[in-house]
């Protein structure tokens, strides 16, 4: 009995040490991160113009552009399902395409939430011709897009994709030295980075998600 108990103690202790080592290594890698003001200074820029974001799923990055210049890149993770084709929110796929920011929530379980106008016109049309939407849903979603609103299609929940932070587990997940995709299809960055992004984007900011 003592032998079993001792083995459990050793195993638990080893796991704690290993996990702590992983986080410390991740924190060491994170020391390379710089603030937006430092990134601007490095580019010899005083301010941002024509801000837009380009997200790279395979590169696990969000590039912040000022006109045609990449000012800063943010580490990001995505939906648990790596498929290229998204059908509805619950498939856990991060959609590909060109979107705009249609709402900014300063209070969220994931620190902040920058909502994209998913589904866009192409997503809606594809879903309609795939038989996933009724006529009234198709027309309603397109009208909402034309009015610069966030489209809502409740039946397929095609309306909750965006960029957000990590929330209360920020210290753990932001310091993982490896990629771990865990979202419902949205794009996740650290709490610190979502706080920074929310100061420079606005309703209507363009966001392109590439594979």
Protein backbone atom coordinates (compact mmCIF):
# COMPACT_ATOMS: atom_id res chain seq x y z
CA UNK A 1 0.00 0.00 0.00
CA UNK A 2 2.84 2.39 0.88
CA UNK A 3 4.56 1.52 -2.39
CA UNK A 4 1.44 2.38 -4.44
CA UNK A 5 0.93 5.63 -2.51
CA UNK A 6 4.57 6.58 -3.03
CA UNK A 7 4.29 5.93 -6.76
CA UNK A 8 1.20 8.13 -6.95
CA UNK A 9 3.08 10.93 -5.16
CA UNK A 10 6.06 10.58 -7.52
CA UNK A 11 3.84 10.52 -10.61
CA UNK A 12 1.83 13.54 -9.47
CA UNK A 13 4.98 15.44 -8.59
CA UNK A 14 6.53 14.62 -11.97
CA UNK A 15 3.44 15.87 -13.79
CA UNK A 16 3.44 19.12 -11.81
CA UNK A 17 7.13 19.70 -12.55
CA UNK A 18 6.64 18.88 -16.25
CA UNK A 19 3.63 21.18 -16.58
CA UNK A 20 5.44 23.99 -14.75
CA UNK A 21 8.41 23.52 -17.09
CA UNK A 22 6.15 23.74 -20.14
CA UNK A 23 4.61 26.99 -18.90
CA UNK A 24 8.00 28.48 -18.01
CA UNK A 25 9.30 27.65 -21.48
CA UNK A 26 6.21 29.26 -23.00
CA UNK A 27 6.74 32.36 -20.87
CA UNK A 28 10.35 32.52 -22.06
CA UNK A 29 9.20 32.40 -25.69
CA UNK A 30 6.65 35.10 -24.91
CA UNK A 31 9.41 37.51 -23.88
CA UNK A 32 9.91 38.20 -27.59
CA UNK A 33 6.46 39.80 -27.83
CA UNK A 34 6.47 43.59 -28.14
CA UNK A 35 3.76 46.18 -27.58
CA UNK A 36 2.02 48.03 -30.40
CA UNK A 37 3.87 51.24 -29.54
CA UNK A 38 7.18 49.38 -29.79
CA UNK A 39 6.11 47.85 -33.11
CA UNK A 40 5.21 51.29 -34.48
CA UNK A 41 8.53 52.70 -33.33
CA UNK A 42 10.38 49.82 -35.01
CA UNK A 43 8.59 50.64 -38.27
CA UNK A 44 9.28 54.36 -37.79
CA UNK A 45 5.53 55.00 -37.84
CA UNK A 46 3.63 57.45 -35.62
CA UNK A 47 0.11 56.18 -36.19
CA UNK A 48 -2.01 53.62 -38.06
CA UNK A 49 -4.03 54.29 -41.20
CA UNK A 50 -6.52 52.06 -43.03
CA UNK A 51 -6.27 49.36 -40.36
CA UNK A 52 -7.21 45.84 -41.42
CA UNK A 53 -6.43 42.32 -40.23
CA UNK A 54 -5.28 39.26 -42.17
CA UNK A 55 -5.58 35.96 -40.31
CA UNK A 56 -3.54 32.91 -41.31
CA UNK A 57 -4.93 29.60 -40.07
CA UNK A 58 -1.89 27.50 -40.98
CA UNK A 59 0.50 30.14 -39.65
CA UNK A 60 -1.51 30.62 -36.43
CA UNK A 61 -1.14 34.38 -36.77
CA UNK A 62 -3.11 37.60 -37.09
CA UNK A 63 -1.28 40.28 -39.08
CA UNK A 64 -2.19 43.87 -38.26
CA UNK A 65 -1.89 46.08 -41.32
CA UNK A 66 -1.60 49.83 -41.65
CA UNK A 67 -2.34 50.33 -45.35
CA UNK A 68 0.03 47.79 -46.97
CA UNK A 69 2.48 47.49 -44.06
CA UNK A 70 2.37 44.67 -41.53
CA UNK A 71 2.87 46.51 -38.25
CA UNK A 72 2.55 43.63 -35.81
CA UNK A 73 1.63 39.93 -35.74
CA UNK A 74 -0.32 38.19 -32.99
CA UNK A 75 -0.24 34.49 -32.13
CA UNK A 76 -3.68 32.95 -32.59
CA UNK A 77 -5.49 29.61 -32.37
CA UNK A 78 -8.65 28.46 -34.08
CA UNK A 79 -11.54 26.02 -34.12
CA UNK A 80 -11.01 22.41 -33.07
CA UNK A 81 -12.04 21.18 -36.52
CA UNK A 82 -9.40 21.98 -39.18
CA UNK A 83 -11.70 21.46 -42.19
CA UNK A 84 -11.61 24.18 -44.85
CA UNK A 85 -15.39 24.32 -45.22
CA UNK A 86 -17.64 25.67 -42.50
CA UNK A 87 -21.35 24.87 -42.50
CA UNK A 88 -22.57 26.11 -39.12
CA UNK A 89 -21.14 27.23 -35.77
CA UNK A 90 -21.32 23.85 -34.05
CA UNK A 91 -18.99 22.22 -36.58
CA UNK A 92 -16.05 23.92 -34.75
CA UNK A 93 -14.51 25.15 -38.04
CA UNK A 94 -12.99 28.61 -38.44
CA UNK A 95 -14.42 30.00 -41.70
CA UNK A 96 -12.31 31.29 -44.58
CA UNK A 97 -13.21 34.50 -46.36
CA UNK A 98 -13.43 38.28 -46.20
CA UNK A 99 -15.45 39.77 -43.36
CA UNK A 100 -15.93 43.02 -41.48
CA UNK A 101 -16.29 43.71 -37.79
CA UNK A 102 -19.96 44.23 -37.00
CA UNK A 103 -19.96 44.42 -33.19
CA UNK A 104 -17.48 44.85 -30.36
CA UNK A 105 -18.32 43.43 -26.93
CA UNK A 106 -16.14 44.83 -24.16
CA UNK A 107 -17.52 42.29 -21.68
CA UNK A 108 -17.23 38.59 -22.47
CA UNK A 109 -16.31 35.30 -20.76
CA UNK A 110 -13.32 35.43 -23.11
CA UNK A 111 -12.20 38.93 -22.06
CA UNK A 112 -13.48 40.75 -25.18
CA UNK A 113 -15.35 39.65 -28.28
CA UNK A 114 -14.89 41.21 -31.72
CA UNK A 115 -17.78 39.87 -33.76
CA UNK A 116 -17.43 39.31 -37.50
CA UNK A 117 -20.28 39.56 -40.01
CA UNK A 118 -20.28 35.80 -40.51
CA UNK A 119 -21.97 34.53 -42.57
CA UNK A 120 -21.00 36.92 -45.36
CA UNK A 121 -22.81 37.08 -48.69
CA UNK A 122 -20.86 34.11 -50.11
CA UNK A 123 -21.47 31.99 -47.00
CA UNK A 124 -25.19 32.74 -47.13
CA UNK A 125 -25.45 31.95 -50.85
CA UNK A 126 -23.48 28.70 -50.46
CA UNK A 127 -25.69 27.63 -47.55
CA UNK A 128 -28.84 28.51 -49.49
CA UNK A 129 -27.89 26.48 -52.58
CA UNK A 130 -26.79 23.61 -50.33
CA UNK A 131 -30.35 23.50 -49.01
CA UNK A 132 -29.38 24.65 -45.52
CA UNK A 133 -31.45 27.85 -45.54
CA UNK A 134 -35.07 28.68 -46.22
CA UNK A 135 -35.91 31.57 -48.58
CA UNK A 136 -36.90 33.87 -45.69
CA UNK A 137 -33.64 33.12 -43.85
CA UNK A 138 -31.63 33.83 -46.99
CA UNK A 139 -33.39 37.13 -47.62
CA UNK A 140 -33.28 38.22 -43.97
CA UNK A 141 -29.54 37.53 -43.62
CA UNK A 142 -28.74 39.38 -46.85
CA UNK A 143 -30.81 42.38 -45.74
CA UNK A 144 -28.92 42.47 -42.44
CA UNK A 145 -25.62 42.49 -44.33
CA UNK A 146 -26.81 45.33 -46.56
CA UNK A 147 -27.70 47.32 -43.44
CA UNK A 148 -24.20 46.65 -41.99
CA UNK A 149 -25.69 44.54 -39.20
CA UNK A 150 -24.48 41.23 -37.79
CA UNK A 151 -26.48 38.56 -39.67
CA UNK A 152 -28.34 36.08 -37.48
CA UNK A 153 -29.63 32.69 -38.61
CA UNK A 154 -30.81 30.96 -35.45
CA UNK A 155 -31.63 27.59 -36.98
CA UNK A 156 -28.00 26.97 -37.92
CA UNK A 157 -26.47 29.39 -35.41
CA UNK A 158 -24.44 31.05 -38.16
CA UNK A 159 -23.77 34.15 -36.12
CA UNK A 160 -21.20 33.77 -33.36
CA UNK A 161 -17.81 33.86 -35.06
CA UNK A 162 -15.24 36.47 -34.14
CA UNK A 163 -11.95 37.23 -32.42
CA UNK A 164 -11.75 36.92 -28.65
CA UNK A 165 -9.37 36.46 -25.73
CA UNK A 166 -8.82 33.41 -23.56
CA UNK A 167 -10.58 34.46 -20.39
CA UNK A 168 -9.79 33.09 -16.94
CA UNK A 169 -7.35 30.46 -18.23
CA UNK A 170 -5.25 33.10 -19.97
CA UNK A 171 -2.09 32.42 -17.95
CA UNK A 172 -2.11 28.76 -18.97
CA UNK A 173 -3.20 28.86 -22.60
CA UNK A 174 -1.20 31.92 -23.69
CA UNK A 175 2.00 30.28 -22.42
CA UNK A 176 1.63 26.92 -24.14
CA UNK A 177 4.75 26.53 -26.33
CA UNK A 178 2.75 24.47 -28.82
CA UNK A 179 -0.42 25.06 -30.83
CA UNK A 180 -3.67 23.89 -29.27
CA UNK A 181 -6.83 24.73 -31.22
CA UNK A 182 -9.76 24.81 -28.80
CA UNK A 183 -12.43 27.31 -29.96
CA UNK A 184 -15.89 26.82 -31.46
CA UNK A 185 -14.58 28.29 -34.72
CA UNK A 186 -13.66 31.76 -33.54
CA UNK A 187 -10.09 33.09 -33.43
CA UNK A 188 -8.50 33.30 -29.97
CA UNK A 189 -5.57 35.45 -28.85
CA UNK A 190 -4.28 36.25 -25.35
CA UNK A 191 -6.27 38.57 -23.11
CA UNK A 192 -3.52 41.17 -23.43
CA UNK A 193 -3.62 41.03 -27.22
CA UNK A 194 -7.41 41.25 -27.49
CA UNK A 195 -7.25 44.29 -25.19
CA UNK A 196 -4.71 45.84 -27.56
CA UNK A 197 -6.64 44.97 -30.72
CA UNK A 198 -9.87 46.42 -29.37
CA UNK A 199 -8.20 49.85 -29.11
CA UNK A 200 -7.31 50.01 -32.81
CA UNK A 201 -10.17 48.33 -34.65
CA UNK A 202 -13.73 49.61 -35.12
CA UNK A 203 -17.05 48.63 -36.62
CA UNK A 204 -16.42 48.10 -40.33
CA UNK A 205 -12.74 47.12 -40.02
CA UNK A 206 -11.95 44.51 -42.67
CA UNK A 207 -10.80 41.05 -41.61
CA UNK A 208 -9.64 38.38 -44.06
CA UNK A 209 -9.23 34.79 -42.90
CA UNK A 210 -6.88 32.73 -45.05
CA UNK A 211 -5.96 29.06 -44.83
